[in-house]
Amino acid sequence: MSVQGIDFSTLTLRDALDLAILIEDEAQERYQEFAHQMELHHTPEAAAFFRFMASNEAKHGAQLSERRTQLFGAAPRTVTRAMLWDVEAPDYDRARAFMTPREAMQAALQSEQKAHAFFVAALPQVTDPEAKALFAELREEEVEHQELVTKELAKLPPEPAGSPDDFADEPTGQ
């Protein structure tokens, strides 16, 4: 996770909203990529969960965008996507062929924990009261998202004894 070129001490509410929207967009796109990968690997349950997470990120991003538009209209962004990387998006190395729903949910849980840690770390640096309140709100929403994923994990049956990697074909010479 990284953010470059953002001075949290000068972050305005508009900038904070823009950053939050970009974080949601990045996570949504990554979940969509993972869903597509899982479909290619014939693991529909993991793909369905990643689509569910992409939908959640899209809804949250739309809510934040609506809020931004109500407050600031079409004012230009000063925060760009190039300034952030993997704040909430699941790590690329978490996707695996033959991924189980449990592994998909664990990847999502790690992402929600990562986003929570981002807001916890950023909050002390934010000085604008409105931006600080937004970051505190987002920090708490990440806790709610962790609880959502944890509840979904609890509904799953135990994993089978073997590992999906046990069924992967070894590379062969051509």
C-alpha atoms as a PDB file:
ATOM      1  CA  MET A   1       0.000   0.000   0.000  1.00  0.00           C
ATOM      2  CA  SER A   2       1.343   3.387  -0.835  1.00  0.00           C
ATOM      3  CA  VAL A   3       0.344   6.975  -1.365  1.00  0.00           C
ATOM      4  CA  GLN A   4       2.701   9.403  -3.052  1.00  0.00           C
ATOM      5  CA  GLY A   5       2.578  13.170  -3.322  1.00  0.00           C
ATOM      6  CA  ILE A   6      -0.238  13.668  -0.823  1.00  0.00           C
ATOM      7  CA  ASP A   7       0.356  15.944   2.140  1.00  0.00           C
ATOM      8  CA  PHE A   8      -2.307  14.836   4.605  1.00  0.00           C
ATOM      9  CA  SER A   9      -1.801  17.980   6.685  1.00  0.00           C
ATOM     10  CA  THR A  10      -3.151  20.119   3.813  1.00  0.00           C
ATOM     11  CA  LEU A  11      -5.835  17.698   2.639  1.00  0.00           C
ATOM     12  CA  THR A  12      -9.211  19.379   2.191  1.00  0.00           C
ATOM     13  CA  LEU A  13     -12.574  17.635   2.375  1.00  0.00           C
ATOM     14  CA  ARG A  14     -12.761  17.719  -1.437  1.00  0.00           C
ATOM     15  CA  ASP A  15      -9.308  16.099  -1.677  1.00  0.00           C
ATOM     16  CA  ALA A  16     -10.231  13.531   0.966  1.00  0.00           C
ATOM     17  CA  LEU A  17     -13.403  12.606  -0.916  1.00  0.00           C
ATOM     18  CA  ASP A  18     -11.460  12.353  -4.176  1.00  0.00           C
ATOM     19  CA  LEU A  19      -8.879  10.113  -2.532  1.00  0.00           C
ATOM     20  CA  ALA A  20     -11.592   7.900  -1.044  1.00  0.00           C
ATOM     21  CA  ILE A  21     -13.341   7.608  -4.416  1.00  0.00           C
ATOM     22  CA  LEU A  22     -10.093   6.650  -6.144  1.00  0.00           C
ATOM     23  CA  ILE A  23      -9.393   4.039  -3.459  1.00  0.00           C
ATOM     24  CA  GLU A  24     -12.834   2.498  -4.023  1.00  0.00           C
ATOM     25  CA  ASP A  25     -12.356   2.585  -7.815  1.00  0.00           C
ATOM     26  CA  GLU A  26      -9.004   0.811  -7.565  1.00  0.00           C
ATOM     27  CA  ALA A  27     -10.421  -1.894  -5.288  1.00  0.00           C
ATOM     28  CA  GLN A  28     -13.465  -2.391  -7.531  1.00  0.00           C
ATOM     29  CA  GLU A  29     -11.284  -2.806 -10.612  1.00  0.00           C
ATOM     30  CA  ARG A  30      -8.981  -5.294  -8.861  1.00  0.00           C
ATOM     31  CA  TYR A  31     -11.934  -7.386  -7.651  1.00  0.00           C
ATOM     32  CA  GLN A  32     -13.293  -7.403 -11.198  1.00  0.00           C
ATOM     33  CA  GLU A  33      -9.890  -8.571 -12.486  1.00  0.00           C
ATOM     34  CA  PHE A  34      -9.827 -11.336  -9.884  1.00  0.00           C
ATOM     35  CA  ALA A  35     -13.386 -12.401 -10.732  1.00  0.00           C
ATOM     36  CA  HIS A  36     -12.412 -12.668 -14.385  1.00  0.00           C
ATOM     37  CA  GLN A  37      -9.313 -14.715 -13.499  1.00  0.00           C
ATOM     38  CA  MET A  38     -11.382 -17.076 -11.350  1.00  0.00           C
ATOM     39  CA  GLU A  39     -13.875 -17.554 -14.173  1.00  0.00           C
ATOM     40  CA  LEU A  40     -11.003 -18.458 -16.517  1.00  0.00           C
ATOM     41  CA  HIS A  41      -9.778 -21.000 -13.937  1.00  0.00           C
ATOM     42  CA  HIS A  42     -13.256 -22.486 -13.512  1.00  0.00           C
ATOM     43  CA  THR A  43     -13.637 -21.466  -9.867  1.00  0.00           C
ATOM     44  CA  PRO A  44     -17.094 -19.875  -9.989  1.00  0.00           C
ATOM     45  CA  GLU A  45     -17.578 -19.611  -6.213  1.00  0.00           C
ATOM     46  CA  ALA A  46     -14.446 -17.476  -5.784  1.00  0.00           C
ATOM     47  CA  ALA A  47     -15.425 -15.454  -8.874  1.00  0.00           C
ATOM     48  CA  ALA A  48     -18.885 -14.823  -7.421  1.00  0.00           C
ATOM     49  CA  PHE A  49     -17.429 -13.575  -4.163  1.00  0.00           C
ATOM     50  CA  PHE A  50     -15.028 -11.238  -5.979  1.00  0.00           C
ATOM     51  CA  ARG A  51     -17.961  -9.901  -8.034  1.00  0.00           C
ATOM     52  CA  PHE A  52     -19.855  -9.337  -4.765  1.00  0.00           C
ATOM     53  CA  MET A  53     -16.902  -7.353  -3.390  1.00  0.00           C
ATOM     54  CA  ALA A  54     -16.580  -5.358  -6.632  1.00  0.00           C
ATOM     55  CA  SER A  55     -20.259  -4.473  -6.346  1.00  0.00           C
ATOM     56  CA  ASN A  56     -19.795  -3.314  -2.745  1.00  0.00           C
ATOM     57  CA  GLU A  57     -16.829  -1.144  -3.719  1.00  0.00           C
ATOM     58  CA  ALA A  58     -18.827   0.321  -6.635  1.00  0.00           C
ATOM     59  CA  LYS A  59     -21.755   1.183  -4.342  1.00  0.00           C
ATOM     60  CA  HIS A  60     -19.510   2.843  -1.800  1.00  0.00           C
ATOM     61  CA  GLY A  61     -17.658   4.739  -4.543  1.00  0.00           C
ATOM     62  CA  ALA A  62     -20.971   5.937  -6.004  1.00  0.00           C
ATOM     63  CA  GLN A  63     -22.111   7.171  -2.576  1.00  0.00           C
ATOM     64  CA  LEU A  64     -18.874   9.078  -2.102  1.00  0.00           C
ATOM     65  CA  SER A  65     -19.094  10.507  -5.644  1.00  0.00           C
ATOM     66  CA  GLU A  66     -22.637  11.697  -5.038  1.00  0.00           C
ATOM     67  CA  ARG A  67     -21.550  13.336  -1.811  1.00  0.00           C
ATOM     68  CA  ARG A  68     -18.634  15.016  -3.567  1.00  0.00           C
ATOM     69  CA  THR A  69     -20.878  16.311  -6.366  1.00  0.00           C
ATOM     70  CA  GLN A  70     -23.410  17.697  -3.875  1.00  0.00           C
ATOM     71  CA  LEU A  71     -20.684  19.553  -2.002  1.00  0.00           C
ATOM     72  CA  PHE A  72     -18.300  20.580  -4.769  1.00  0.00           C
ATOM     73  CA  GLY A  73     -20.064  20.167  -8.114  1.00  0.00           C
ATOM     74  CA  ALA A  74     -17.630  19.597 -10.953  1.00  0.00           C
ATOM     75  CA  ALA A  75     -14.617  21.180  -9.235  1.00  0.00           C
ATOM     76  CA  PRO A  76     -11.440  19.610 -10.613  1.00  0.00           C
ATOM     77  CA  ARG A  77      -9.546  16.922  -8.733  1.00  0.00           C
ATOM     78  CA  THR A  78      -6.102  17.610  -7.366  1.00  0.00           C
ATOM     79  CA  VAL A  79      -5.686  14.001  -6.205  1.00  0.00           C
ATOM     80  CA  THR A  80      -5.035  11.486  -8.987  1.00  0.00           C
ATOM     81  CA  ARG A  81      -4.954   7.726  -9.293  1.00  0.00           C
ATOM     82  CA  ALA A  82      -1.208   7.902  -9.876  1.00  0.00           C
ATOM     83  CA  MET A  83      -0.844   9.025  -6.247  1.00  0.00           C
ATOM     84  CA  LEU A  84      -2.070   5.743  -4.780  1.00  0.00           C
ATOM     85  CA  TRP A  85      -1.404   2.043  -5.110  1.00  0.00           C
ATOM     86  CA  ASP A  86      -3.041  -0.897  -3.356  1.00  0.00           C
ATOM     87  CA  VAL A  87      -4.626   1.071  -0.522  1.00  0.00           C
ATOM     88  CA  GLU A  88      -7.667  -1.219  -0.419  1.00  0.00           C
ATOM     89  CA  ALA A  89      -7.284  -3.340  -3.528  1.00  0.00           C
ATOM     90  CA  PRO A  90      -6.351  -6.959  -2.869  1.00  0.00           C
ATOM     91  CA  ASP A  91      -2.709  -7.745  -3.546  1.00  0.00           C
ATOM     92  CA  TYR A  92      -2.122  -9.188  -7.018  1.00  0.00           C
ATOM     93  CA  ASP A  93      -0.311 -12.207  -5.595  1.00  0.00           C
ATOM     94  CA  ARG A  94      -3.444 -13.239  -3.651  1.00  0.00           C
ATOM     95  CA  ALA A  95      -5.200 -14.555  -6.786  1.00  0.00           C
ATOM     96  CA  ARG A  96      -4.549 -18.225  -7.476  1.00  0.00           C
ATOM     97  CA  ALA A  97      -5.798 -20.802  -9.927  1.00  0.00           C
ATOM     98  CA  PHE A  98      -8.313 -23.105  -8.221  1.00  0.00           C
ATOM     99  CA  MET A  99      -8.907 -20.530  -5.468  1.00  0.00           C
ATOM    100  CA  THR A 100     -11.496 -21.582  -2.916  1.00  0.00           C
ATOM    101  CA  PRO A 101     -14.227 -19.262  -1.645  1.00  0.00           C
ATOM    102  CA  ARG A 102     -12.421 -19.231   1.729  1.00  0.00           C
ATOM    103  CA  GLU A 103      -9.194 -18.058   0.078  1.00  0.00           C
ATOM    104  CA  ALA A 104     -11.122 -15.379  -1.830  1.00  0.00           C
ATOM    105  CA  MET A 105     -12.720 -14.153   1.384  1.00  0.00           C
ATOM    106  CA  GLN A 106      -9.396 -14.179   3.209  1.00  0.00           C
ATOM    107  CA  ALA A 107      -7.910 -12.023   0.427  1.00  0.00           C
ATOM    108  CA  ALA A 108     -10.828  -9.608   0.794  1.00  0.00           C
ATOM    109  CA  LEU A 109     -10.471  -9.546   4.579  1.00  0.00           C
ATOM    110  CA  GLN A 110      -6.787  -8.690   4.239  1.00  0.00           C
ATOM    111  CA  SER A 111      -7.728  -5.847   1.874  1.00  0.00           C
ATOM    112  CA  GLU A 112     -10.260  -4.419   4.311  1.00  0.00           C
ATOM    113  CA  GLN A 113      -7.672  -4.623   7.104  1.00  0.00           C
ATOM    114  CA  LYS A 114      -5.155  -2.876   4.865  1.00  0.00           C
ATOM    115  CA  ALA A 115      -7.635  -0.043   4.145  1.00  0.00           C
ATOM    116  CA  HIS A 116      -8.393   0.303   7.859  1.00  0.00           C
ATOM    117  CA  ALA A 117      -4.664   0.565   8.609  1.00  0.00           C
ATOM    118  CA  PHE A 118      -4.345   3.266   5.937  1.00  0.00           C
ATOM    119  CA  PHE A 119      -7.023   5.450   7.551  1.00  0.00           C
ATOM    120  CA  VAL A 120      -5.654   4.813  11.054  1.00  0.00           C
ATOM    121  CA  ALA A 121      -2.180   5.921   9.906  1.00  0.00           C
ATOM    122  CA  ALA A 122      -3.440   8.940   7.939  1.00  0.00           C
ATOM    123  CA  LEU A 123      -5.823  10.320  10.567  1.00  0.00           C
ATOM    124  CA  PRO A 124      -3.214  11.876  12.903  1.00  0.00           C
ATOM    125  CA  GLN A 125      -1.738  13.783   9.950  1.00  0.00           C
ATOM    126  CA  VAL A 126      -5.054  15.241   8.725  1.00  0.00           C
ATOM    127  CA  THR A 127      -5.664  18.730  10.121  1.00  0.00           C
ATOM    128  CA  ASP A 128      -8.805  19.866   8.287  1.00  0.00           C
ATOM    129  CA  PRO A 129     -11.729  19.037  10.643  1.00  0.00           C
ATOM    130  CA  GLU A 130     -14.087  17.969   7.835  1.00  0.00           C
ATOM    131  CA  ALA A 131     -11.453  15.793   6.150  1.00  0.00           C
ATOM    132  CA  LYS A 132     -10.548  14.308   9.539  1.00  0.00           C
ATOM    133  CA  ALA A 133     -14.217  13.472  10.195  1.00  0.00           C
ATOM    134  CA  LEU A 134     -14.487  11.802   6.766  1.00  0.00           C
ATOM    135  CA  PHE A 135     -11.366   9.713   7.376  1.00  0.00           C
ATOM    136  CA  ALA A 136     -12.697   8.681  10.805  1.00  0.00           C
ATOM    137  CA  GLU A 137     -15.976   7.662   9.147  1.00  0.00           C
ATOM    138  CA  LEU A 138     -14.111   5.675   6.486  1.00  0.00           C
ATOM    139  CA  ARG A 139     -11.937   4.004   9.121  1.00  0.00           C
ATOM    140  CA  GLU A 140     -15.096   2.785  10.899  1.00  0.00           C
ATOM    141  CA  GLU A 141     -16.643   1.613   7.633  1.00  0.00           C
ATOM    142  CA  GLU A 142     -13.582  -0.544   7.045  1.00  0.00           C
ATOM    143  CA  VAL A 143     -14.258  -2.217  10.403  1.00  0.00           C
ATOM    144  CA  GLU A 144     -17.847  -2.881   9.256  1.00  0.00           C
ATOM    145  CA  HIS A 145     -16.532  -4.345   5.996  1.00  0.00           C
ATOM    146  CA  GLN A 146     -14.181  -6.625   7.939  1.00  0.00           C
ATOM    147  CA  GLU A 147     -17.136  -7.829  10.006  1.00  0.00           C
ATOM    148  CA  LEU A 148     -19.149  -8.489   6.830  1.00  0.00           C
ATOM    149  CA  VAL A 149     -16.376 -10.631   5.340  1.00  0.00           C
ATOM    150  CA  THR A 150     -15.777 -12.417   8.655  1.00  0.00           C
ATOM    151  CA  LYS A 151     -19.482 -13.332   8.841  1.00  0.00           C
ATOM    152  CA  GLU A 152     -19.343 -14.699   5.291  1.00  0.00           C
ATOM    153  CA  LEU A 153     -16.243 -16.716   6.191  1.00  0.00           C
ATOM    154  CA  ALA A 154     -18.040 -18.194   9.202  1.00  0.00           C
ATOM    155  CA  LYS A 155     -20.812 -19.515   6.935  1.00  0.00           C
ATOM    156  CA  LEU A 156     -18.375 -21.645   4.920  1.00  0.00           C
ATOM    157  CA  PRO A 157     -17.820 -25.335   5.605  1.00  0.00           C
ATOM    158  CA  PRO A 158     -14.299 -26.326   6.694  1.00  0.00           C
ATOM    159  CA  GLU A 159     -11.707 -26.557   3.939  1.00  0.00           C
ATOM    160  CA  PRO A 160     -10.992 -30.050   2.612  1.00  0.00           C
ATOM    161  CA  ALA A 161      -7.800 -31.688   3.877  1.00  0.00           C
ATOM    162  CA  GLY A 162      -5.845 -31.249   0.612  1.00  0.00           C
ATOM    163  CA  SER A 163      -4.565 -28.087  -0.987  1.00  0.00           C
ATOM    164  CA  PRO A 164      -5.790 -26.920  -4.408  1.00  0.00           C
ATOM    165  CA  ASP A 165      -2.111 -26.830  -5.382  1.00  0.00           C
ATOM    166  CA  ASP A 166      -2.093 -30.631  -4.982  1.00  0.00           C
ATOM    167  CA  PHE A 167      -4.221 -30.806  -8.128  1.00  0.00           C
ATOM    168  CA  ALA A 168      -2.255 -28.397 -10.277  1.00  0.00           C
ATOM    169  CA  ASP A 169      -0.336 -29.885 -13.170  1.00  0.00           C
ATOM    170  CA  GLU A 170       3.426 -29.647 -13.078  1.00  0.00           C
ATOM    171  CA  PRO A 171       5.044 -27.656 -15.888  1.00  0.00           C
ATOM    172  CA  THR A 172       6.088 -29.838 -18.791  1.00  0.00           C
ATOM    173  CA  GLY A 173       8.624 -29.416 -21.562  1.00  0.00           C
ATOM    174  CA  GLN A 174       7.265 -28.630 -24.966  1.00  0.00           C
END
